[in-house]
């Protein structure tokens, strides 16, 4: 998985950690308040999803709830600026 490192230590020594990742191929798990929040790994180890995999995931997703459109309309209506901004 990777060597744990605090977010503070990573920020203070970012150049050193990036060099270790690049040249030594090390991986780190960044922790904030004792919880893992991110990983720093060599870029070529990260597999990018292909477009076909992305479309397959999209096609297999559940359809949105019918009430979702109504929710969006209510949010859009509540977020409209006033007709005359100087009339406030």
PDB file of N, CA and C in Angstrom:
ATOM      1  N   UNK A   1       0.828  -1.190   0.000  1.00  0.00           N
ATOM      2  CA  UNK A   1       0.000   0.000   0.000  1.00  0.00           C
ATOM      3  C   UNK A   1       0.867   1.246   0.000  1.00  0.00           C
ATOM      4  N   UNK A   2       1.816   1.376   0.882  1.00  0.00           N
ATOM      5  CA  UNK A   2       2.693   2.536   0.914  1.00  0.00           C
ATOM      6  C   UNK A   2       3.074   2.891   2.332  1.00  0.00           C
ATOM      7  N   UNK A   3       4.113   3.670   2.454  1.00  0.00           N
ATOM      8  CA  UNK A   3       4.596   4.116   3.755  1.00  0.00           C
ATOM      9  C   UNK A   3       3.747   5.291   4.226  1.00  0.00           C
ATOM     10  N   UNK A   4       3.217   5.242   5.455  1.00  0.00           N
ATOM     11  CA  UNK A   4       2.419   6.368   5.952  1.00  0.00           C
ATOM     12  C   UNK A   4       3.273   7.624   6.125  1.00  0.00           C
ATOM     13  N   UNK A   5       2.698   8.766   5.778  1.00  0.00           N
ATOM     14  CA  UNK A   5       3.353  10.059   5.959  1.00  0.00           C
ATOM     15  C   UNK A   5       2.267  11.081   6.301  1.00  0.00           C
ATOM     16  N   UNK A   6       2.559  11.954   7.252  1.00  0.00           N
ATOM     17  CA  UNK A   6       1.562  12.968   7.605  1.00  0.00           C
ATOM     18  C   UNK A   6       1.500  14.025   6.505  1.00  0.00           C
ATOM     19  N   UNK A   7       0.348  14.641   6.364  1.00  0.00           N
ATOM     20  CA  UNK A   7       0.182  15.691   5.361  1.00  0.00           C
ATOM     21  C   UNK A   7       1.141  16.843   5.636  1.00  0.00           C
ATOM     22  N   UNK A   8       1.373  17.140   6.907  1.00  0.00           N
ATOM     23  CA  UNK A   8       2.287  18.221   7.272  1.00  0.00           C
ATOM     24  C   UNK A   8       3.710  17.907   6.839  1.00  0.00           C
ATOM     25  N   UNK A   9       4.167  16.679   7.127  1.00  0.00           N
ATOM     26  CA  UNK A   9       5.523  16.288   6.749  1.00  0.00           C
ATOM     27  C   UNK A   9       5.675  16.280   5.231  1.00  0.00           C
ATOM     28  N   UNK A  10       4.659  15.804   4.537  1.00  0.00           N
ATOM     29  CA  UNK A  10       4.711  15.793   3.079  1.00  0.00           C
ATOM     30  C   UNK A  10       4.820  17.217   2.538  1.00  0.00           C
ATOM     31  N   UNK A  11       4.027  18.133   3.089  1.00  0.00           N
ATOM     32  CA  UNK A  11       4.061  19.519   2.622  1.00  0.00           C
ATOM     33  C   UNK A  11       5.425  20.159   2.873  1.00  0.00           C
ATOM     34  N   UNK A  12       6.009  19.880   4.019  1.00  0.00           N
ATOM     35  CA  UNK A  12       7.307  20.477   4.366  1.00  0.00           C
ATOM     36  C   UNK A  12       8.457  19.908   3.545  1.00  0.00           C
ATOM     37  N   UNK A  13       8.316  18.681   3.087  1.00  0.00           N
ATOM     38  CA  UNK A  13       9.407  17.990   2.391  1.00  0.00           C
ATOM     39  C   UNK A  13       8.964  17.436   1.044  1.00  0.00           C
ATOM     40  N   UNK A  14       8.110  18.168   0.357  1.00  0.00           N
ATOM     41  CA  UNK A  14       7.508  17.662  -0.873  1.00  0.00           C
ATOM     42  C   UNK A  14       8.547  17.255  -1.912  1.00  0.00           C
ATOM     43  N   UNK A  15       9.552  18.071  -2.123  1.00  0.00           N
ATOM     44  CA  UNK A  15      10.573  17.747  -3.119  1.00  0.00           C
ATOM     45  C   UNK A  15      11.260  16.427  -2.834  1.00  0.00           C
ATOM     46  N   UNK A  16      11.584  16.190  -1.556  1.00  0.00           N
ATOM     47  CA  UNK A  16      12.233  14.935  -1.171  1.00  0.00           C
ATOM     48  C   UNK A  16      11.321  13.740  -1.441  1.00  0.00           C
ATOM     49  N   UNK A  17      10.051  13.868  -1.061  1.00  0.00           N
ATOM     50  CA  UNK A  17       9.120  12.757  -1.280  1.00  0.00           C
ATOM     51  C   UNK A  17       8.917  12.491  -2.772  1.00  0.00           C
ATOM     52  N   UNK A  18       8.811  13.546  -3.560  1.00  0.00           N
ATOM     53  CA  UNK A  18       8.631  13.341  -4.998  1.00  0.00           C
ATOM     54  C   UNK A  18       9.856  12.684  -5.622  1.00  0.00           C
ATOM     55  N   UNK A  19      11.043  13.041  -5.157  1.00  0.00           N
ATOM     56  CA  UNK A  19      12.260  12.394  -5.660  1.00  0.00           C
ATOM     57  C   UNK A  19      12.272  10.916  -5.289  1.00  0.00           C
ATOM     58  N   UNK A  20      11.840  10.594  -4.073  1.00  0.00           N
ATOM     59  CA  UNK A  20      11.791   9.190  -3.652  1.00  0.00           C
ATOM     60  C   UNK A  20      10.792   8.400  -4.490  1.00  0.00           C
ATOM     61  N   UNK A  21       9.678   9.032  -4.822  1.00  0.00           N
ATOM     62  CA  UNK A  21       8.683   8.366  -5.668  1.00  0.00           C
ATOM     63  C   UNK A  21       9.246   8.169  -7.073  1.00  0.00           C
ATOM     64  N   UNK A  22       9.862   9.199  -7.598  1.00  0.00           N
ATOM     65  CA  UNK A  22      10.351   9.134  -8.978  1.00  0.00           C
ATOM     66  C   UNK A  22      11.544   8.195  -9.146  1.00  0.00           C
ATOM     67  N   UNK A  23      12.531   8.326  -8.268  1.00  0.00           N
ATOM     68  CA  UNK A  23      13.776   7.589  -8.484  1.00  0.00           C
ATOM     69  C   UNK A  23      13.851   6.255  -7.744  1.00  0.00           C
ATOM     70  N   UNK A  24      13.241   6.179  -6.578  1.00  0.00           N
ATOM     71  CA  UNK A  24      13.283   4.920  -5.813  1.00  0.00           C
ATOM     72  C   UNK A  24      12.015   4.096  -5.979  1.00  0.00           C
ATOM     73  N   UNK A  25      11.012   4.688  -6.663  1.00  0.00           N
ATOM     74  CA  UNK A  25       9.735   4.008  -6.907  1.00  0.00           C
ATOM     75  C   UNK A  25       8.998   3.696  -5.608  1.00  0.00           C
ATOM     76  N   UNK A  26       9.164   4.561  -4.604  1.00  0.00           N
ATOM     77  CA  UNK A  26       8.457   4.387  -3.332  1.00  0.00           C
ATOM     78  C   UNK A  26       7.035   4.914  -3.465  1.00  0.00           C
ATOM     79  N   UNK A  27       6.159   4.442  -2.583  1.00  0.00           N
ATOM     80  CA  UNK A  27       4.777   4.907  -2.517  1.00  0.00           C
ATOM     81  C   UNK A  27       4.488   5.364  -1.099  1.00  0.00           C
ATOM     82  N   UNK A  28       3.622   6.370  -0.971  1.00  0.00           N
ATOM     83  CA  UNK A  28       3.291   6.915   0.341  1.00  0.00           C
ATOM     84  C   UNK A  28       1.783   7.056   0.491  1.00  0.00           C
ATOM     85  N   UNK A  29       1.319   6.827   1.721  1.00  0.00           N
ATOM     86  CA  UNK A  29      -0.075   7.052   2.071  1.00  0.00           C
ATOM     87  C   UNK A  29      -0.107   8.311   2.921  1.00  0.00           C
ATOM     88  N   UNK A  30      -0.776   9.338   2.435  1.00  0.00           N
ATOM     89  CA  UNK A  30      -0.842  10.614   3.135  1.00  0.00           C
ATOM     90  C   UNK A  30      -1.961  10.548   4.165  1.00  0.00           C
ATOM     91  N   UNK A  31      -1.616  10.897   5.413  1.00  0.00           N
ATOM     92  CA  UNK A  31      -2.593  10.851   6.500  1.00  0.00           C
ATOM     93  C   UNK A  31      -2.852  12.248   7.044  1.00  0.00           C
ATOM     94  N   UNK A  32      -4.104  12.508   7.345  1.00  0.00           N
ATOM     95  CA  UNK A  32      -4.531  13.760   7.977  1.00  0.00           C
ATOM     96  C   UNK A  32      -5.312  13.377   9.218  1.00  0.00           C
ATOM     97  N   UNK A  33      -4.853  13.840  10.364  1.00  0.00           N
ATOM     98  CA  UNK A  33      -5.484  13.483  11.642  1.00  0.00           C
ATOM     99  C   UNK A  33      -5.551  11.973  11.825  1.00  0.00           C
ATOM    100  N   UNK A  34      -4.499  11.285  11.392  1.00  0.00           N
ATOM    101  CA  UNK A  34      -4.405   9.845  11.586  1.00  0.00           C
ATOM    102  C   UNK A  34      -5.193   8.995  10.610  1.00  0.00           C
ATOM    103  N   UNK A  35      -5.852   9.621   9.640  1.00  0.00           N
ATOM    104  CA  UNK A  35      -6.644   8.866   8.664  1.00  0.00           C
ATOM    105  C   UNK A  35      -6.053   9.037   7.270  1.00  0.00           C
ATOM    106  N   UNK A  36      -6.009   7.943   6.524  1.00  0.00           N
ATOM    107  CA  UNK A  36      -5.495   7.989   5.157  1.00  0.00           C
ATOM    108  C   UNK A  36      -6.431   8.813   4.281  1.00  0.00           C
ATOM    109  N   UNK A  37      -5.856   9.770   3.547  1.00  0.00           N
ATOM    110  CA  UNK A  37      -6.666  10.623   2.678  1.00  0.00           C
ATOM    111  C   UNK A  37      -6.209  10.603   1.222  1.00  0.00           C
ATOM    112  N   UNK A  38      -4.978  10.152   0.968  1.00  0.00           N
ATOM    113  CA  UNK A  38      -4.466  10.148  -0.408  1.00  0.00           C
ATOM    114  C   UNK A  38      -3.272   9.222  -0.506  1.00  0.00           C
ATOM    115  N   UNK A  39      -2.889   8.929  -1.738  1.00  0.00           N
ATOM    116  CA  UNK A  39      -1.683   8.150  -1.993  1.00  0.00           C
ATOM    117  C   UNK A  39      -0.812   8.904  -2.984  1.00  0.00           C
ATOM    118  N   UNK A  40       0.492   8.803  -2.789  1.00  0.00           N
ATOM    119  CA  UNK A  40       1.453   9.341  -3.745  1.00  0.00           C
ATOM    120  C   UNK A  40       2.209   8.142  -4.290  1.00  0.00           C
ATOM    121  N   UNK A  41       2.025   7.872  -5.571  1.00  0.00           N
ATOM    122  CA  UNK A  41       2.627   6.702  -6.211  1.00  0.00           C
ATOM    123  C   UNK A  41       3.246   7.130  -7.538  1.00  0.00           C
ATOM    124  N   UNK A  42       4.169   6.342  -8.068  1.00  0.00           N
ATOM    125  CA  UNK A  42       4.706   6.656  -9.393  1.00  0.00           C
ATOM    126  C   UNK A  42       3.576   6.736 -10.422  1.00  0.00           C
ATOM    127  N   UNK A  43       3.651   7.733 -11.280  1.00  0.00           N
ATOM    128  CA  UNK A  43       2.567   7.995 -12.230  1.00  0.00           C
ATOM    129  C   UNK A  43       2.285   6.822 -13.151  1.00  0.00           C
ATOM    130  N   UNK A  44       3.320   6.088 -13.531  1.00  0.00           N
ATOM    131  CA  UNK A  44       3.079   4.996 -14.473  1.00  0.00           C
ATOM    132  C   UNK A  44       2.442   3.775 -13.824  1.00  0.00           C
ATOM    133  N   UNK A  45       2.272   3.803 -12.505  1.00  0.00           N
ATOM    134  CA  UNK A  45       1.586   2.703 -11.822  1.00  0.00           C
ATOM    135  C   UNK A  45       0.085   2.936 -11.723  1.00  0.00           C
ATOM    136  N   UNK A  46      -0.345   4.121 -12.071  1.00  0.00           N
ATOM    137  CA  UNK A  46      -1.761   4.451 -11.993  1.00  0.00           C
ATOM    138  C   UNK A  46      -2.394   4.083 -13.321  1.00  0.00           C
ATOM    139  N   UNK A  47      -3.343   3.164 -13.282  1.00  0.00           N
ATOM    140  CA  UNK A  47      -4.011   2.736 -14.508  1.00  0.00           C
ATOM    141  C   UNK A  47      -5.132   3.697 -14.861  1.00  0.00           C
ATOM    142  N   UNK A  48      -5.099   4.215 -16.053  1.00  0.00           N
ATOM    143  CA  UNK A  48      -6.162   5.099 -16.513  1.00  0.00           C
ATOM    144  C   UNK A  48      -7.287   4.255 -17.097  1.00  0.00           C
ATOM    145  N   UNK A  49      -8.497   4.646 -16.820  1.00  0.00           N
ATOM    146  CA  UNK A  49      -9.644   3.929 -17.366  1.00  0.00           C
ATOM    147  C   UNK A  49      -9.763   4.232 -18.853  1.00  0.00           C
ATOM    148  N   UNK A  50     -10.064   3.231 -19.615  1.00  0.00           N
ATOM    149  CA  UNK A  50     -10.276   3.449 -21.042  1.00  0.00           C
ATOM    150  C   UNK A  50     -11.659   4.055 -21.242  1.00  0.00           C
ATOM    151  N   UNK A  51     -11.866   4.655 -22.380  1.00  0.00           N
ATOM    152  CA  UNK A  51     -13.173   5.233 -22.678  1.00  0.00           C
ATOM    153  C   UNK A  51     -14.253   4.157 -22.662  1.00  0.00           C
ATOM    154  N   UNK A  52     -13.936   2.973 -23.167  1.00  0.00           N
ATOM    155  CA  UNK A  52     -14.951   1.915 -23.179  1.00  0.00           C
ATOM    156  C   UNK A  52     -15.308   1.498 -21.756  1.00  0.00           C
ATOM    157  N   UNK A  53     -14.314   1.467 -20.858  1.00  0.00           N
ATOM    158  CA  UNK A  53     -14.606   1.133 -19.462  1.00  0.00           C
ATOM    159  C   UNK A  53     -15.456   2.220 -18.815  1.00  0.00           C
ATOM    160  N   UNK A  54     -15.169   3.476 -19.148  1.00  0.00           N
ATOM    161  CA  UNK A  54     -15.955   4.579 -18.591  1.00  0.00           C
ATOM    162  C   UNK A  54     -17.400   4.512 -19.078  1.00  0.00           C
ATOM    163  N   UNK A  55     -17.593   4.250 -20.375  1.00  0.00           N
ATOM    164  CA  UNK A  55     -18.953   4.141 -20.904  1.00  0.00           C
ATOM    165  C   UNK A  55     -19.681   2.931 -20.330  1.00  0.00           C
ATOM    166  N   UNK A  56     -18.980   1.844 -20.107  1.00  0.00           N
ATOM    167  CA  UNK A  56     -19.602   0.661 -19.501  1.00  0.00           C
ATOM    168  C   UNK A  56     -20.083   0.973 -18.094  1.00  0.00           C
ATOM    169  N   UNK A  57     -19.271   1.692 -17.344  1.00  0.00           N
ATOM    170  CA  UNK A  57     -19.671   2.071 -15.984  1.00  0.00           C
ATOM    171  C   UNK A  57     -20.892   2.983 -16.031  1.00  0.00           C
ATOM    172  N   UNK A  58     -20.914   3.905 -16.980  1.00  0.00           N
ATOM    173  CA  UNK A  58     -22.045   4.823 -17.117  1.00  0.00           C
ATOM    174  C   UNK A  58     -23.312   4.046 -17.473  1.00  0.00           C
ATOM    175  N   UNK A  59     -23.202   3.112 -18.411  1.00  0.00           N
ATOM    176  CA  UNK A  59     -24.361   2.340 -18.849  1.00  0.00           C
ATOM    177  C   UNK A  59     -24.916   1.442 -17.750  1.00  0.00           C
ATOM    178  N   UNK A  60     -24.059   0.996 -16.846  1.00  0.00           N
ATOM    179  CA  UNK A  60     -24.521   0.088 -15.796  1.00  0.00           C
ATOM    180  C   UNK A  60     -25.024   0.828 -14.560  1.00  0.00           C
ATOM    181  N   UNK A  61     -24.950   2.151 -14.563  1.00  0.00           N
ATOM    182  CA  UNK A  61     -25.411   2.928 -13.407  1.00  0.00           C
ATOM    183  C   UNK A  61     -26.936   2.888 -13.327  1.00  0.00           C
ATOM    184  N   UNK A  62     -27.434   2.993 -12.119  1.00  0.00           N
ATOM    185  CA  UNK A  62     -28.881   3.002 -11.911  1.00  0.00           C
ATOM    186  C   UNK A  62     -29.469   4.294 -12.484  1.00  0.00           C
ATOM    187  N   UNK A  63     -30.695   4.236 -13.004  1.00  0.00           N
ATOM    188  CA  UNK A  63     -31.314   5.462 -13.518  1.00  0.00           C
ATOM    189  C   UNK A  63     -31.611   6.426 -12.368  1.00  0.00           C
ATOM    190  N   UNK A  64     -31.622   7.726 -12.651  1.00  0.00           N
ATOM    191  CA  UNK A  64     -31.901   8.684 -11.580  1.00  0.00           C
ATOM    192  C   UNK A  64     -33.334   8.556 -11.085  1.00  0.00           C
ATOM    193  N   UNK A  65     -33.532   8.917  -9.854  1.00  0.00           N
ATOM    194  CA  UNK A  65     -34.858   8.919  -9.245  1.00  0.00           C
ATOM    195  C   UNK A  65     -35.731   9.931  -9.998  1.00  0.00           C
ATOM    196  N   UNK A  66     -37.000   9.600 -10.283  1.00  0.00           N
ATOM    197  CA  UNK A  66     -37.866  10.529 -11.024  1.00  0.00           C
ATOM    198  C   UNK A  66     -38.012  11.899 -10.355  1.00  0.00           C
ATOM    199  N   UNK A  67     -37.910  11.962  -9.043  1.00  0.00           N
ATOM    200  CA  UNK A  67     -38.069  13.247  -8.358  1.00  0.00           C
ATOM    201  C   UNK A  67     -36.829  14.130  -8.486  1.00  0.00           C
ATOM    202  N   UNK A  68     -35.742  13.579  -9.025  1.00  0.00           N
ATOM    203  CA  UNK A  68     -34.496  14.337  -9.138  1.00  0.00           C
ATOM    204  C   UNK A  68     -34.656  15.557 -10.042  1.00  0.00           C
ATOM    205  N   UNK A  69     -35.382  15.419 -11.141  1.00  0.00           N
ATOM    206  CA  UNK A  69     -35.595  16.552 -12.052  1.00  0.00           C
ATOM    207  C   UNK A  69     -36.316  17.682 -11.335  1.00  0.00           C
ATOM    208  N   UNK A  70     -37.308  17.340 -10.531  1.00  0.00           N
ATOM    209  CA  UNK A  70     -38.020  18.360  -9.758  1.00  0.00           C
ATOM    210  C   UNK A  70     -37.118  19.051  -8.754  1.00  0.00           C
ATOM    211  N   UNK A  71     -36.249  18.279  -8.127  1.00  0.00           N
ATOM    212  CA  UNK A  71     -35.286  18.869  -7.190  1.00  0.00           C
ATOM    213  C   UNK A  71     -34.393  19.879  -7.904  1.00  0.00           C
ATOM    214  N   UNK A  72     -33.907  19.515  -9.088  1.00  0.00           N
ATOM    215  CA  UNK A  72     -33.045  20.424  -9.848  1.00  0.00           C
ATOM    216  C   UNK A  72     -33.784  21.700 -10.240  1.00  0.00           C
ATOM    217  N   UNK A  73     -35.041  21.567 -10.630  1.00  0.00           N
ATOM    218  CA  UNK A  73     -35.830  22.747 -10.997  1.00  0.00           C
ATOM    219  C   UNK A  73     -36.013  23.674  -9.804  1.00  0.00           C
ATOM    220  N   UNK A  74     -36.267  23.120  -8.618  1.00  0.00           N
ATOM    221  CA  UNK A  74     -36.435  23.949  -7.422  1.00  0.00           C
ATOM    222  C   UNK A  74     -35.139  24.670  -7.057  1.00  0.00           C
ATOM    223  N   UNK A  75     -34.025  23.978  -7.178  1.00  0.00           N
ATOM    224  CA  UNK A  75     -32.733  24.608  -6.886  1.00  0.00           C
ATOM    225  C   UNK A  75     -32.461  25.730  -7.882  1.00  0.00           C
ATOM    226  N   UNK A  76     -32.705  25.472  -9.160  1.00  0.00           N
ATOM    227  CA  UNK A  76     -32.462  26.493 -10.185  1.00  0.00           C
ATOM    228  C   UNK A  76     -33.350  27.710  -9.965  1.00  0.00           C
ATOM    229  N   UNK A  77     -34.604  27.493  -9.592  1.00  0.00           N
ATOM    230  CA  UNK A  77     -35.521  28.609  -9.363  1.00  0.00           C
ATOM    231  C   UNK A  77     -35.102  29.430  -8.146  1.00  0.00           C
ATOM    232  N   UNK A  78     -34.607  28.780  -7.122  1.00  0.00           N
ATOM    233  CA  UNK A  78     -34.201  29.486  -5.906  1.00  0.00           C
ATOM    234  C   UNK A  78     -32.890  30.230  -6.096  1.00  0.00           C
ATOM    235  N   UNK A  79     -32.131  29.877  -7.105  1.00  0.00           N
ATOM    236  CA  UNK A  79     -30.799  30.445  -7.298  1.00  0.00           C
ATOM    237  C   UNK A  79     -30.768  31.547  -8.355  1.00  0.00           C
ATOM    238  N   UNK A  80     -31.916  31.957  -8.850  1.00  0.00           N
ATOM    239  CA  UNK A  80     -31.952  32.984  -9.895  1.00  0.00           C
ATOM    240  C   UNK A  80     -31.686  34.364  -9.288  1.00  0.00           C
ATOM    241  N   UNK A  81     -30.903  35.185  -9.986  1.00  0.00           N
ATOM    242  CA  UNK A  81     -30.677  36.550  -9.485  1.00  0.00           C
ATOM    243  C   UNK A  81     -31.939  37.384  -9.672  1.00  0.00           C
ATOM    244  N   UNK A  82     -32.060  38.464  -8.924  1.00  0.00           N
ATOM    245  CA  UNK A  82     -33.241  39.320  -9.093  1.00  0.00           C
ATOM    246  C   UNK A  82     -33.268  39.921 -10.501  1.00  0.00           C
ATOM    247  N   UNK A  83     -34.469  40.223 -10.988  1.00  0.00           N
ATOM    248  CA  UNK A  83     -34.618  40.815 -12.318  1.00  0.00           C
ATOM    249  C   UNK A  83     -33.839  42.124 -12.418  1.00  0.00           C
ATOM    250  N   UNK A  84     -33.975  42.975 -11.409  1.00  0.00           N
ATOM    251  CA  UNK A  84     -33.265  44.254 -11.384  1.00  0.00           C
ATOM    252  C   UNK A  84     -32.320  44.237 -10.188  1.00  0.00           C
ATOM    253  N   UNK A  85     -31.027  44.016 -10.405  1.00  0.00           N
ATOM    254  CA  UNK A  85     -30.110  43.902  -9.273  1.00  0.00           C
ATOM    255  C   UNK A  85     -30.015  45.179  -8.445  1.00  0.00           C
ATOM    256  N   UNK A  86     -30.434  46.323  -9.013  1.00  0.00           N
ATOM    257  CA  UNK A  86     -30.361  47.587  -8.271  1.00  0.00           C
ATOM    258  C   UNK A  86     -31.606  47.812  -7.427  1.00  0.00           C
ATOM    259  N   UNK A  87     -32.599  46.942  -7.552  1.00  0.00           N
ATOM    260  CA  UNK A  87     -33.853  47.112  -6.824  1.00  0.00           C
ATOM    261  C   UNK A  87     -33.798  46.503  -5.434  1.00  0.00           C
ATOM    262  N   UNK A  88     -32.655  45.994  -5.016  1.00  0.00           N
ATOM    263  CA  UNK A  88     -32.544  45.386  -3.689  1.00  0.00           C
ATOM    264  C   UNK A  88     -32.701  46.450  -2.690  1.00  0.00           C
TER     265      UNK A  88
END
